[in-house]
Amino acid sequence: MTTTTTTRTMLRVTEQAVPQLTPREREVLDLLCRGIVRNRAIATRLVISEMTVHYHVNNLMQKLEATNRTELVVRAYGMGLVNG
């Protein structure tokens, strides 16, 4: 993703309504934003299965209209869903 594309994406994101996230989705998103991207690592930290992490990541990608984890993190910051 180029800087221009990222800027455009963030501008579009800030114009959208902030989606409702479950507490667990917020925990998964927080770990993703901190650079913990492997399902196994997230599952270990949250004491849940890798499939459950996969489920939460897919839900987050749908809610934030992201096509990959990198875009998910960019959109999360653009929507103010994470501090940093």
N, C-alpha and C. Protein backbone atom coordinates (compact mmCIF):
# COMPACT_ATOMS: atom_id res chain seq x y z
N MET A 1 0.85 -1.16 0.00
CA MET A 1 0.00 0.00 0.00
C MET A 1 0.90 1.24 0.00
N THR A 2 0.65 2.15 -0.89
CA THR A 2 1.46 3.36 -0.94
C THR A 2 0.95 4.37 0.08
N THR A 3 1.76 5.40 0.31
CA THR A 3 1.36 6.43 1.27
C THR A 3 0.07 7.10 0.83
N THR A 4 -0.04 7.38 -0.47
CA THR A 4 -1.26 8.02 -0.99
C THR A 4 -2.47 7.12 -0.78
N THR A 5 -2.31 5.83 -1.07
CA THR A 5 -3.41 4.89 -0.89
C THR A 5 -3.80 4.81 0.58
N THR A 6 -2.80 4.73 1.45
CA THR A 6 -3.07 4.66 2.89
C THR A 6 -3.82 5.91 3.35
N THR A 7 -3.38 7.07 2.89
CA THR A 7 -4.04 8.32 3.28
C THR A 7 -5.48 8.33 2.80
N ARG A 8 -5.70 7.93 1.56
CA ARG A 8 -7.07 7.88 1.04
C ARG A 8 -7.92 6.91 1.85
N THR A 9 -7.35 5.74 2.17
CA THR A 9 -8.08 4.75 2.95
C THR A 9 -8.47 5.32 4.30
N MET A 10 -7.53 5.99 4.97
CA MET A 10 -7.82 6.56 6.28
C MET A 10 -8.85 7.66 6.20
N LEU A 11 -8.82 8.45 5.13
CA LEU A 11 -9.82 9.50 4.97
C LEU A 11 -11.20 8.89 4.80
N ARG A 12 -11.28 7.83 4.00
CA ARG A 12 -12.56 7.16 3.82
C ARG A 12 -13.05 6.56 5.13
N VAL A 13 -12.14 5.98 5.88
CA VAL A 13 -12.49 5.33 7.13
C VAL A 13 -13.06 6.33 8.13
N THR A 14 -12.47 7.50 8.24
CA THR A 14 -12.92 8.46 9.23
C THR A 14 -14.32 8.98 8.92
N GLU A 15 -14.75 8.85 7.68
CA GLU A 15 -16.09 9.30 7.31
C GLU A 15 -17.15 8.26 7.63
N GLN A 16 -16.73 7.02 7.92
CA GLN A 16 -17.67 5.95 8.19
C GLN A 16 -18.05 5.92 9.67
N ALA A 17 -19.20 5.32 9.93
CA ALA A 17 -19.63 5.14 11.32
C ALA A 17 -18.73 4.09 11.98
N VAL A 18 -18.46 4.26 13.24
CA VAL A 18 -17.63 3.31 13.97
C VAL A 18 -18.49 2.09 14.30
N PRO A 19 -18.04 0.89 13.90
CA PRO A 19 -18.85 -0.32 14.15
C PRO A 19 -18.82 -0.73 15.62
N GLN A 20 -19.84 -1.43 16.02
CA GLN A 20 -19.91 -1.96 17.37
C GLN A 20 -19.07 -3.23 17.43
N LEU A 21 -18.13 -3.29 18.36
CA LEU A 21 -17.30 -4.47 18.52
C LEU A 21 -17.57 -5.11 19.88
N THR A 22 -17.49 -6.43 19.90
CA THR A 22 -17.64 -7.14 21.16
C THR A 22 -16.36 -6.94 21.99
N PRO A 23 -16.45 -7.16 23.29
CA PRO A 23 -15.23 -7.04 24.10
C PRO A 23 -14.10 -7.94 23.61
N ARG A 24 -14.42 -9.16 23.18
CA ARG A 24 -13.39 -10.08 22.69
C ARG A 24 -12.80 -9.59 21.37
N GLU A 25 -13.64 -9.06 20.49
CA GLU A 25 -13.14 -8.50 19.24
C GLU A 25 -12.16 -7.36 19.53
N ARG A 26 -12.47 -6.55 20.53
CA ARG A 26 -11.56 -5.45 20.91
C ARG A 26 -10.23 -5.99 21.42
N GLU A 27 -10.28 -7.08 22.18
CA GLU A 27 -9.04 -7.69 22.67
C GLU A 27 -8.19 -8.21 21.51
N VAL A 28 -8.82 -8.89 20.58
CA VAL A 28 -8.10 -9.41 19.41
C VAL A 28 -7.53 -8.26 18.59
N LEU A 29 -8.33 -7.23 18.38
CA LEU A 29 -7.88 -6.07 17.62
C LEU A 29 -6.70 -5.39 18.30
N ASP A 30 -6.76 -5.27 19.60
CA ASP A 30 -5.65 -4.65 20.35
C ASP A 30 -4.36 -5.43 20.14
N LEU A 31 -4.43 -6.74 20.19
CA LEU A 31 -3.22 -7.56 19.98
C LEU A 31 -2.72 -7.42 18.55
N LEU A 32 -3.62 -7.41 17.59
CA LEU A 32 -3.21 -7.20 16.20
C LEU A 32 -2.49 -5.86 16.03
N CYS A 33 -3.02 -4.84 16.65
CA CYS A 33 -2.43 -3.50 16.55
C CYS A 33 -1.08 -3.42 17.26
N ARG A 34 -0.84 -4.32 18.20
CA ARG A 34 0.45 -4.34 18.89
C ARG A 34 1.45 -5.23 18.17
N GLY A 35 1.05 -5.74 17.00
CA GLY A 35 1.97 -6.53 16.19
C GLY A 35 1.92 -8.02 16.43
N ILE A 36 0.98 -8.47 17.23
CA ILE A 36 0.82 -9.91 17.46
C ILE A 36 -0.18 -10.39 16.42
N VAL A 37 0.32 -11.00 15.35
CA VAL A 37 -0.54 -11.27 14.21
C VAL A 37 -0.85 -12.74 13.97
N ARG A 38 -0.10 -13.62 14.57
CA ARG A 38 -0.37 -15.05 14.36
C ARG A 38 -1.52 -15.51 15.26
N ASN A 39 -2.43 -16.28 14.66
CA ASN A 39 -3.58 -16.77 15.40
C ASN A 39 -3.16 -17.53 16.65
N ARG A 40 -2.12 -18.34 16.52
CA ARG A 40 -1.67 -19.14 17.67
C ARG A 40 -1.22 -18.24 18.83
N ALA A 41 -0.49 -17.19 18.52
CA ALA A 41 0.00 -16.27 19.57
C ALA A 41 -1.17 -15.55 20.24
N ILE A 42 -2.14 -15.12 19.44
CA ILE A 42 -3.32 -14.45 19.99
C ILE A 42 -4.12 -15.43 20.85
N ALA A 43 -4.30 -16.64 20.34
CA ALA A 43 -5.06 -17.66 21.07
C ALA A 43 -4.42 -17.97 22.41
N THR A 44 -3.10 -18.08 22.42
CA THR A 44 -2.38 -18.37 23.67
C THR A 44 -2.58 -17.26 24.68
N ARG A 45 -2.46 -16.03 24.24
CA ARG A 45 -2.61 -14.89 25.16
C ARG A 45 -4.03 -14.78 25.72
N LEU A 46 -5.02 -15.09 24.88
CA LEU A 46 -6.42 -14.94 25.31
C LEU A 46 -7.03 -16.23 25.84
N VAL A 47 -6.27 -17.30 25.80
CA VAL A 47 -6.71 -18.63 26.24
C VAL A 47 -8.00 -19.03 25.51
N ILE A 48 -7.93 -18.97 24.19
CA ILE A 48 -9.02 -19.42 23.32
C ILE A 48 -8.39 -20.23 22.19
N SER A 49 -9.20 -20.88 21.38
CA SER A 49 -8.67 -21.70 20.29
C SER A 49 -8.26 -20.83 19.09
N GLU A 50 -7.39 -21.38 18.26
CA GLU A 50 -6.99 -20.67 17.04
C GLU A 50 -8.18 -20.43 16.12
N MET A 51 -9.11 -21.38 16.08
CA MET A 51 -10.30 -21.21 15.24
C MET A 51 -11.16 -20.05 15.74
N THR A 52 -11.21 -19.87 17.05
CA THR A 52 -11.98 -18.76 17.60
C THR A 52 -11.31 -17.44 17.24
N VAL A 53 -9.99 -17.40 17.27
CA VAL A 53 -9.28 -16.19 16.84
C VAL A 53 -9.59 -15.92 15.38
N HIS A 54 -9.53 -16.95 14.54
CA HIS A 54 -9.84 -16.82 13.12
C HIS A 54 -11.25 -16.23 12.92
N TYR A 55 -12.18 -16.72 13.69
CA TYR A 55 -13.57 -16.25 13.64
C TYR A 55 -13.64 -14.76 14.00
N HIS A 56 -12.97 -14.36 15.08
CA HIS A 56 -12.99 -12.95 15.50
C HIS A 56 -12.31 -12.04 14.47
N VAL A 57 -11.19 -12.49 13.91
CA VAL A 57 -10.49 -11.69 12.90
C VAL A 57 -11.39 -11.51 11.68
N ASN A 58 -12.05 -12.58 11.25
CA ASN A 58 -12.97 -12.46 10.11
C ASN A 58 -14.10 -11.48 10.40
N ASN A 59 -14.66 -11.56 11.60
CA ASN A 59 -15.73 -10.62 11.98
C ASN A 59 -15.22 -9.18 11.96
N LEU A 60 -14.01 -8.97 12.50
CA LEU A 60 -13.42 -7.63 12.51
C LEU A 60 -13.21 -7.12 11.09
N MET A 61 -12.72 -7.99 10.22
CA MET A 61 -12.47 -7.57 8.84
C MET A 61 -13.78 -7.19 8.14
N GLN A 62 -14.84 -7.92 8.43
CA GLN A 62 -16.15 -7.58 7.86
C GLN A 62 -16.65 -6.25 8.41
N LYS A 63 -16.60 -6.09 9.71
CA LYS A 63 -17.13 -4.88 10.34
C LYS A 63 -16.35 -3.62 9.93
N LEU A 64 -15.04 -3.76 9.76
CA LEU A 64 -14.22 -2.60 9.40
C LEU A 64 -13.98 -2.52 7.89
N GLU A 65 -14.58 -3.45 7.15
CA GLU A 65 -14.48 -3.50 5.69
C GLU A 65 -13.02 -3.53 5.23
N ALA A 66 -12.26 -4.40 5.87
CA ALA A 66 -10.85 -4.57 5.53
C ALA A 66 -10.66 -5.86 4.74
N THR A 67 -9.67 -5.86 3.87
CA THR A 67 -9.40 -7.05 3.05
C THR A 67 -8.23 -7.87 3.57
N ASN A 68 -7.46 -7.30 4.50
CA ASN A 68 -6.35 -8.04 5.11
C ASN A 68 -6.06 -7.45 6.49
N ARG A 69 -5.17 -8.09 7.22
CA ARG A 69 -4.91 -7.67 8.60
C ARG A 69 -4.24 -6.30 8.67
N THR A 70 -3.39 -6.00 7.70
CA THR A 70 -2.74 -4.69 7.68
C THR A 70 -3.77 -3.58 7.52
N GLU A 71 -4.67 -3.77 6.57
CA GLU A 71 -5.73 -2.78 6.36
C GLU A 71 -6.64 -2.69 7.59
N LEU A 72 -6.85 -3.81 8.24
CA LEU A 72 -7.67 -3.84 9.46
C LEU A 72 -7.06 -2.92 10.52
N VAL A 73 -5.75 -3.03 10.71
CA VAL A 73 -5.07 -2.20 11.70
C VAL A 73 -5.13 -0.73 11.31
N VAL A 74 -4.88 -0.43 10.03
CA VAL A 74 -4.94 0.96 9.55
C VAL A 74 -6.33 1.54 9.79
N ARG A 75 -7.35 0.78 9.47
CA ARG A 75 -8.72 1.25 9.66
C ARG A 75 -9.06 1.43 11.14
N ALA A 76 -8.57 0.52 11.96
CA ALA A 76 -8.82 0.62 13.41
C ALA A 76 -8.23 1.91 13.96
N TYR A 77 -7.01 2.23 13.57
CA TYR A 77 -6.40 3.50 14.02
C TYR A 77 -7.16 4.69 13.45
N GLY A 78 -7.56 4.59 12.18
CA GLY A 78 -8.29 5.69 11.53
C GLY A 78 -9.64 5.95 12.17
N MET A 79 -10.26 4.91 12.72
CA MET A 79 -11.56 5.06 13.36
C MET A 79 -11.43 5.39 14.84
N GLY A 80 -10.21 5.41 15.33
CA GLY A 80 -10.01 5.71 16.75
C GLY A 80 -10.37 4.54 17.67
N LEU A 81 -10.34 3.34 17.13
CA LEU A 81 -10.70 2.17 17.94
C LEU A 81 -9.59 1.70 18.85
N VAL A 82 -8.37 2.17 18.58
CA VAL A 82 -7.22 1.81 19.41
C VAL A 82 -6.44 3.07 19.76
N ASN A 83 -5.76 3.02 20.87
CA ASN A 83 -4.92 4.14 21.28
C ASN A 83 -3.49 3.87 20.83
N GLY A 84 -2.82 4.91 20.46
CA GLY A 84 -1.43 4.65 20.11
C GLY A 84 -0.84 5.73 19.39
